[in-house]
Amino acid sequence: MNHLKEIRLKQGLSQSQLVKQSNVSLTVITKYEQGQRNINKASGETLYKLATALKCSMEDLLQLENMDTP
């Protein structure tokens, strides 16, 4: 499960509720949650709207790979 869906579910929000609170379209949210669209390439505005609605940081929504340093 990706971070967006995980955070949304922890907040107890449906996708429709997130659409209303974030003003991001259902299609976009669904594609991010299903992995059809890479949330790491989302615009800053979209990340900001989602993060604000979910009361989390924009970084929390990103799918960051493990950045181990040697």
PDB file of N, CA and C in Angstrom:
ATOM      1  N   MET A   1       0.854  -1.183   0.000  1.00  0.00           N
ATOM      2  CA  MET A   1       0.000   0.000   0.000  1.00  0.00           C
ATOM      3  C   MET A   1       0.893   1.238   0.000  1.00  0.00           C
ATOM      4  N   ASN A   2       0.543   2.211  -0.822  1.00  0.00           N
ATOM      5  CA  ASN A   2       1.376   3.419  -0.869  1.00  0.00           C
ATOM      6  C   ASN A   2       1.012   4.381   0.261  1.00  0.00           C
ATOM      7  N   HIS A   3       1.851   5.363   0.430  1.00  0.00           N
ATOM      8  CA  HIS A   3       1.712   6.290   1.558  1.00  0.00           C
ATOM      9  C   HIS A   3       0.406   7.077   1.510  1.00  0.00           C
ATOM     10  N   LEU A   4       0.007   7.525   0.344  1.00  0.00           N
ATOM     11  CA  LEU A   4      -1.219   8.320   0.230  1.00  0.00           C
ATOM     12  C   LEU A   4      -2.411   7.529   0.753  1.00  0.00           C
ATOM     13  N   LYS A   5      -2.574   6.317   0.270  1.00  0.00           N
ATOM     14  CA  LYS A   5      -3.714   5.503   0.691  1.00  0.00           C
ATOM     15  C   LYS A   5      -3.613   5.169   2.176  1.00  0.00           C
ATOM     16  N   GLU A   6      -2.431   4.831   2.628  1.00  0.00           N
ATOM     17  CA  GLU A   6      -2.223   4.491   4.031  1.00  0.00           C
ATOM     18  C   GLU A   6      -2.598   5.656   4.951  1.00  0.00           C
ATOM     19  N   ILE A   7      -2.123   6.838   4.617  1.00  0.00           N
ATOM     20  CA  ILE A   7      -2.413   8.024   5.433  1.00  0.00           C
ATOM     21  C   ILE A   7      -3.905   8.359   5.370  1.00  0.00           C
ATOM     22  N   ARG A   8      -4.483   8.261   4.175  1.00  0.00           N
ATOM     23  CA  ARG A   8      -5.916   8.549   4.017  1.00  0.00           C
ATOM     24  C   ARG A   8      -6.759   7.619   4.887  1.00  0.00           C
ATOM     25  N   LEU A   9      -6.419   6.334   4.854  1.00  0.00           N
ATOM     26  CA  LEU A   9      -7.176   5.371   5.647  1.00  0.00           C
ATOM     27  C   LEU A   9      -6.984   5.592   7.148  1.00  0.00           C
ATOM     28  N   LYS A  10      -5.774   5.937   7.563  1.00  0.00           N
ATOM     29  CA  LYS A  10      -5.525   6.224   8.988  1.00  0.00           C
ATOM     30  C   LYS A  10      -6.341   7.427   9.443  1.00  0.00           C
ATOM     31  N   GLN A  11      -6.566   8.371   8.529  1.00  0.00           N
ATOM     32  CA  GLN A  11      -7.373   9.560   8.852  1.00  0.00           C
ATOM     33  C   GLN A  11      -8.869   9.244   8.818  1.00  0.00           C
ATOM     34  N   GLY A  12      -9.210   8.051   8.331  1.00  0.00           N
ATOM     35  CA  GLY A  12     -10.612   7.645   8.263  1.00  0.00           C
ATOM     36  C   GLY A  12     -11.380   8.333   7.153  1.00  0.00           C
ATOM     37  N   LEU A  13     -10.665   8.711   6.088  1.00  0.00           N
ATOM     38  CA  LEU A  13     -11.303   9.417   4.978  1.00  0.00           C
ATOM     39  C   LEU A  13     -11.522   8.494   3.789  1.00  0.00           C
ATOM     40  N   SER A  14     -12.638   8.670   3.121  1.00  0.00           N
ATOM     41  CA  SER A  14     -12.861   7.999   1.842  1.00  0.00           C
ATOM     42  C   SER A  14     -12.177   8.831   0.755  1.00  0.00           C
ATOM     43  N   GLN A  15     -12.052   8.252  -0.413  1.00  0.00           N
ATOM     44  CA  GLN A  15     -11.475   9.022  -1.520  1.00  0.00           C
ATOM     45  C   GLN A  15     -12.348  10.239  -1.817  1.00  0.00           C
ATOM     46  N   SER A  16     -13.647  10.070  -1.761  1.00  0.00           N
ATOM     47  CA  SER A  16     -14.558  11.191  -2.038  1.00  0.00           C
ATOM     48  C   SER A  16     -14.382  12.321  -1.033  1.00  0.00           C
ATOM     49  N   GLN A  17     -14.191  11.970   0.223  1.00  0.00           N
ATOM     50  CA  GLN A  17     -13.969  12.994   1.247  1.00  0.00           C
ATOM     51  C   GLN A  17     -12.649  13.720   0.996  1.00  0.00           C
ATOM     52  N   LEU A  18     -11.626  12.975   0.599  1.00  0.00           N
ATOM     53  CA  LEU A  18     -10.341  13.593   0.308  1.00  0.00           C
ATOM     54  C   LEU A  18     -10.451  14.534  -0.887  1.00  0.00           C
ATOM     55  N   VAL A  19     -11.242  14.162  -1.877  1.00  0.00           N
ATOM     56  CA  VAL A  19     -11.474  15.029  -3.038  1.00  0.00           C
ATOM     57  C   VAL A  19     -12.066  16.360  -2.572  1.00  0.00           C
ATOM     58  N   LYS A  20     -13.074  16.298  -1.714  1.00  0.00           N
ATOM     59  CA  LYS A  20     -13.734  17.514  -1.236  1.00  0.00           C
ATOM     60  C   LYS A  20     -12.790  18.384  -0.403  1.00  0.00           C
ATOM     61  N   GLN A  21     -11.975  17.744   0.426  1.00  0.00           N
ATOM     62  CA  GLN A  21     -11.097  18.500   1.319  1.00  0.00           C
ATOM     63  C   GLN A  21      -9.859  19.040   0.620  1.00  0.00           C
ATOM     64  N   SER A  22      -9.401  18.346  -0.426  1.00  0.00           N
ATOM     65  CA  SER A  22      -8.148  18.743  -1.082  1.00  0.00           C
ATOM     66  C   SER A  22      -8.355  19.490  -2.390  1.00  0.00           C
ATOM     67  N   ASN A  23      -9.528  19.327  -2.986  1.00  0.00           N
ATOM     68  CA  ASN A  23      -9.798  19.888  -4.314  1.00  0.00           C
ATOM     69  C   ASN A  23      -8.867  19.278  -5.371  1.00  0.00           C
ATOM     70  N   VAL A  24      -8.468  18.012  -5.152  1.00  0.00           N
ATOM     71  CA  VAL A  24      -7.726  17.230  -6.141  1.00  0.00           C
ATOM     72  C   VAL A  24      -8.720  16.216  -6.687  1.00  0.00           C
ATOM     73  N   SER A  25      -8.722  16.000  -7.993  1.00  0.00           N
ATOM     74  CA  SER A  25      -9.747  15.151  -8.607  1.00  0.00           C
ATOM     75  C   SER A  25      -9.653  13.698  -8.157  1.00  0.00           C
ATOM     76  N   LEU A  26     -10.793  13.032  -8.182  1.00  0.00           N
ATOM     77  CA  LEU A  26     -10.871  11.618  -7.822  1.00  0.00           C
ATOM     78  C   LEU A  26      -9.989  10.782  -8.737  1.00  0.00           C
ATOM     79  N   THR A  27      -9.964  11.118 -10.010  1.00  0.00           N
ATOM     80  CA  THR A  27      -9.142  10.381 -10.969  1.00  0.00           C
ATOM     81  C   THR A  27      -7.674  10.439 -10.578  1.00  0.00           C
ATOM     82  N   VAL A  28      -7.192  11.605 -10.234  1.00  0.00           N
ATOM     83  CA  VAL A  28      -5.787  11.772  -9.852  1.00  0.00           C
ATOM     84  C   VAL A  28      -5.485  10.995  -8.580  1.00  0.00           C
ATOM     85  N   ILE A  29      -6.331  11.129  -7.574  1.00  0.00           N
ATOM     86  CA  ILE A  29      -6.115  10.424  -6.311  1.00  0.00           C
ATOM     87  C   ILE A  29      -6.101   8.910  -6.541  1.00  0.00           C
ATOM     88  N   THR A  30      -7.059   8.419  -7.309  1.00  0.00           N
ATOM     89  CA  THR A  30      -7.137   6.984  -7.601  1.00  0.00           C
ATOM     90  C   THR A  30      -5.882   6.498  -8.316  1.00  0.00           C
ATOM     91  N   LYS A  31      -5.420   7.267  -9.284  1.00  0.00           N
ATOM     92  CA  LYS A  31      -4.223   6.857 -10.026  1.00  0.00           C
ATOM     93  C   LYS A  31      -2.987   6.838  -9.139  1.00  0.00           C
ATOM     94  N   TYR A  32      -2.851   7.790  -8.240  1.00  0.00           N
ATOM     95  CA  TYR A  32      -1.729   7.780  -7.301  1.00  0.00           C
ATOM     96  C   TYR A  32      -1.818   6.570  -6.379  1.00  0.00           C
ATOM     97  N   GLU A  33      -3.011   6.304  -5.875  1.00  0.00           N
ATOM     98  CA  GLU A  33      -3.174   5.191  -4.945  1.00  0.00           C
ATOM     99  C   GLU A  33      -2.960   3.838  -5.614  1.00  0.00           C
ATOM    100  N   GLN A  34      -3.318   3.717  -6.870  1.00  0.00           N
ATOM    101  CA  GLN A  34      -3.164   2.447  -7.579  1.00  0.00           C
ATOM    102  C   GLN A  34      -1.794   2.302  -8.240  1.00  0.00           C
ATOM    103  N   GLY A  35      -0.978   3.333  -8.134  1.00  0.00           N
ATOM    104  CA  GLY A  35       0.351   3.267  -8.724  1.00  0.00           C
ATOM    105  C   GLY A  35       0.380   3.478 -10.223  1.00  0.00           C
ATOM    106  N   GLN A  36      -0.728   3.934 -10.788  1.00  0.00           N
ATOM    107  CA  GLN A  36      -0.775   4.221 -12.222  1.00  0.00           C
ATOM    108  C   GLN A  36      -0.108   5.550 -12.539  1.00  0.00           C
ATOM    109  N   ARG A  37       0.095   6.343 -11.519  1.00  0.00           N
ATOM    110  CA  ARG A  37       0.749   7.639 -11.629  1.00  0.00           C
ATOM    111  C   ARG A  37       1.740   7.747 -10.473  1.00  0.00           C
ATOM    112  N   ASN A  38       2.910   8.298 -10.734  1.00  0.00           N
ATOM    113  CA  ASN A  38       3.960   8.401  -9.727  1.00  0.00           C
ATOM    114  C   ASN A  38       3.765   9.673  -8.906  1.00  0.00           C
ATOM    115  N   ILE A  39       3.455   9.509  -7.636  1.00  0.00           N
ATOM    116  CA  ILE A  39       3.214  10.672  -6.774  1.00  0.00           C
ATOM    117  C   ILE A  39       4.484  11.507  -6.598  1.00  0.00           C
ATOM    118  N   ASN A  40       5.639  10.897  -6.799  1.00  0.00           N
ATOM    119  CA  ASN A  40       6.895  11.647  -6.697  1.00  0.00           C
ATOM    120  C   ASN A  40       7.011  12.702  -7.797  1.00  0.00           C
ATOM    121  N   LYS A  41       6.219  12.562  -8.844  1.00  0.00           N
ATOM    122  CA  LYS A  41       6.247  13.527  -9.948  1.00  0.00           C
ATOM    123  C   LYS A  41       5.061  14.486  -9.897  1.00  0.00           C
ATOM    124  N   ALA A  42       4.319  14.434  -8.809  1.00  0.00           N
ATOM    125  CA  ALA A  42       3.178  15.343  -8.642  1.00  0.00           C
ATOM    126  C   ALA A  42       3.673  16.774  -8.500  1.00  0.00           C
ATOM    127  N   SER A  43       2.840  17.706  -8.892  1.00  0.00           N
ATOM    128  CA  SER A  43       3.210  19.115  -8.732  1.00  0.00           C
ATOM    129  C   SER A  43       3.239  19.463  -7.247  1.00  0.00           C
ATOM    130  N   GLY A  44       3.996  20.469  -6.916  1.00  0.00           N
ATOM    131  CA  GLY A  44       4.055  20.941  -5.540  1.00  0.00           C
ATOM    132  C   GLY A  44       2.683  21.342  -5.039  1.00  0.00           C
ATOM    133  N   GLU A  45       1.893  21.931  -5.910  1.00  0.00           N
ATOM    134  CA  GLU A  45       0.547  22.367  -5.529  1.00  0.00           C
ATOM    135  C   GLU A  45      -0.330  21.168  -5.151  1.00  0.00           C
ATOM    136  N   THR A  46      -0.256  20.107  -5.942  1.00  0.00           N
ATOM    137  CA  THR A  46      -1.046  18.906  -5.659  1.00  0.00           C
ATOM    138  C   THR A  46      -0.603  18.274  -4.347  1.00  0.00           C
ATOM    139  N   LEU A  47       0.704  18.143  -4.152  1.00  0.00           N
ATOM    140  CA  LEU A  47       1.212  17.584  -2.900  1.00  0.00           C
ATOM    141  C   LEU A  47       0.785  18.432  -1.706  1.00  0.00           C
ATOM    142  N   TYR A  48       0.855  19.747  -1.873  1.00  0.00           N
ATOM    143  CA  TYR A  48       0.464  20.660  -0.794  1.00  0.00           C
ATOM    144  C   TYR A  48      -1.019  20.474  -0.436  1.00  0.00           C
ATOM    145  N   LYS A  49      -1.878  20.419  -1.448  1.00  0.00           N
ATOM    146  CA  LYS A  49      -3.314  20.256  -1.209  1.00  0.00           C
ATOM    147  C   LYS A  49      -3.611  18.943  -0.490  1.00  0.00           C
ATOM    148  N   LEU A  50      -2.974  17.858  -0.950  1.00  0.00           N
ATOM    149  CA  LEU A  50      -3.199  16.559  -0.320  1.00  0.00           C
ATOM    150  C   LEU A  50      -2.669  16.540   1.107  1.00  0.00           C
ATOM    151  N   ALA A  51      -1.462  17.064   1.297  1.00  0.00           N
ATOM    152  CA  ALA A  51      -0.854  17.081   2.627  1.00  0.00           C
ATOM    153  C   ALA A  51      -1.679  17.922   3.602  1.00  0.00           C
ATOM    154  N   THR A  52      -2.163  19.054   3.148  1.00  0.00           N
ATOM    155  CA  THR A  52      -2.983  19.915   4.003  1.00  0.00           C
ATOM    156  C   THR A  52      -4.275  19.200   4.402  1.00  0.00           C
ATOM    157  N   ALA A  53      -4.921  18.566   3.443  1.00  0.00           N
ATOM    158  CA  ALA A  53      -6.169  17.853   3.733  1.00  0.00           C
ATOM    159  C   ALA A  53      -5.939  16.677   4.673  1.00  0.00           C
ATOM    160  N   LEU A  54      -4.775  16.029   4.548  1.00  0.00           N
ATOM    161  CA  LEU A  54      -4.466  14.852   5.363  1.00  0.00           C
ATOM    162  C   LEU A  54      -3.704  15.194   6.649  1.00  0.00           C
ATOM    163  N   LYS A  55      -3.422  16.481   6.832  1.00  0.00           N
ATOM    164  CA  LYS A  55      -2.693  16.949   8.021  1.00  0.00           C
ATOM    165  C   LYS A  55      -1.368  16.207   8.202  1.00  0.00           C
ATOM    166  N   CYS A  56      -0.607  16.148   7.109  1.00  0.00           N
ATOM    167  CA  CYS A  56       0.707  15.518   7.135  1.00  0.00           C
ATOM    168  C   CYS A  56       1.663  16.383   6.316  1.00  0.00           C
ATOM    169  N   SER A  57       2.924  16.014   6.280  1.00  0.00           N
ATOM    170  CA  SER A  57       3.866  16.768   5.466  1.00  0.00           C
ATOM    171  C   SER A  57       3.827  16.253   4.027  1.00  0.00           C
ATOM    172  N   MET A  58       4.263  17.069   3.117  1.00  0.00           N
ATOM    173  CA  MET A  58       4.320  16.638   1.720  1.00  0.00           C
ATOM    174  C   MET A  58       5.274  15.457   1.577  1.00  0.00           C
ATOM    175  N   GLU A  59       6.347  15.465   2.351  1.00  0.00           N
ATOM    176  CA  GLU A  59       7.325  14.381   2.292  1.00  0.00           C
ATOM    177  C   GLU A  59       6.707  13.050   2.709  1.00  0.00           C
ATOM    178  N   ASP A  60       5.736  13.092   3.619  1.00  0.00           N
ATOM    179  CA  ASP A  60       5.068  11.868   4.057  1.00  0.00           C
ATOM    180  C   ASP A  60       4.370  11.156   2.901  1.00  0.00           C
ATOM    181  N   LEU A  61       3.968  11.909   1.892  1.00  0.00           N
ATOM    182  CA  LEU A  61       3.234  11.340   0.766  1.00  0.00           C
ATOM    183  C   LEU A  61       4.153  10.715  -0.294  1.00  0.00           C
ATOM    184  N   LEU A  62       5.400  11.105  -0.291  1.00  0.00           N
ATOM    185  CA  LEU A  62       6.328  10.649  -1.320  1.00  0.00           C
ATOM    186  C   LEU A  62       6.756   9.208  -1.090  1.00  0.00           C
ATOM    187  N   GLN A  63       7.038   8.529  -2.181  1.00  0.00           N
ATOM    188  CA  GLN A  63       7.509   7.144  -2.132  1.00  0.00           C
ATOM    189  C   GLN A  63       9.040   7.180  -2.272  1.00  0.00           C
ATOM    190  N   LEU A  64       9.695   7.436  -1.163  1.00  0.00           N
ATOM    191  CA  LEU A  64      11.145   7.548  -1.191  1.00  0.00           C
ATOM    192  C   LEU A  64      11.774   6.171  -1.043  1.00  0.00           C
ATOM    193  N   GLU A  65      12.775   5.915  -1.868  1.00  0.00           N
ATOM    194  CA  GLU A  65      13.496   4.652  -1.765  1.00  0.00           C
ATOM    195  C   GLU A  65      14.474   4.733  -0.609  1.00  0.00           C
ATOM    196  N   ASN A  66      14.880   3.599  -0.123  1.00  0.00           N
ATOM    197  CA  ASN A  66      15.830   3.540   0.980  1.00  0.00           C
ATOM    198  C   ASN A  66      17.132   4.210   0.545  1.00  0.00           C
ATOM    199  N   MET A  67      17.538   5.228   1.256  1.00  0.00           N
ATOM    200  CA  MET A  67      18.716   6.029   0.870  1.00  0.00           C
ATOM    201  C   MET A  67      19.910   5.694   1.753  1.00  0.00           C
ATOM    202  N   ASP A  68      20.251   4.416   1.848  1.00  0.00           N
ATOM    203  CA  ASP A  68      21.402   4.015   2.657  1.00  0.00           C
ATOM    204  C   ASP A  68      22.682   4.574   2.070  1.00  0.00           C
ATOM    205  N   THR A  69      23.521   5.085   2.941  1.00  0.00           N
ATOM    206  CA  THR A  69      24.824   5.571   2.490  1.00  0.00           C
ATOM    207  C   THR A  69      25.894   4.559   2.860  1.00  0.00           C
ATOM    208  N   PRO A  70      26.894   4.378   2.014  1.00  0.00           N
ATOM    209  CA  PRO A  70      27.915   3.363   2.298  1.00  0.00           C
ATOM    210  C   PRO A  70      28.778   3.727   3.488  1.00  0.00           C
TER     211      PRO A  70
END
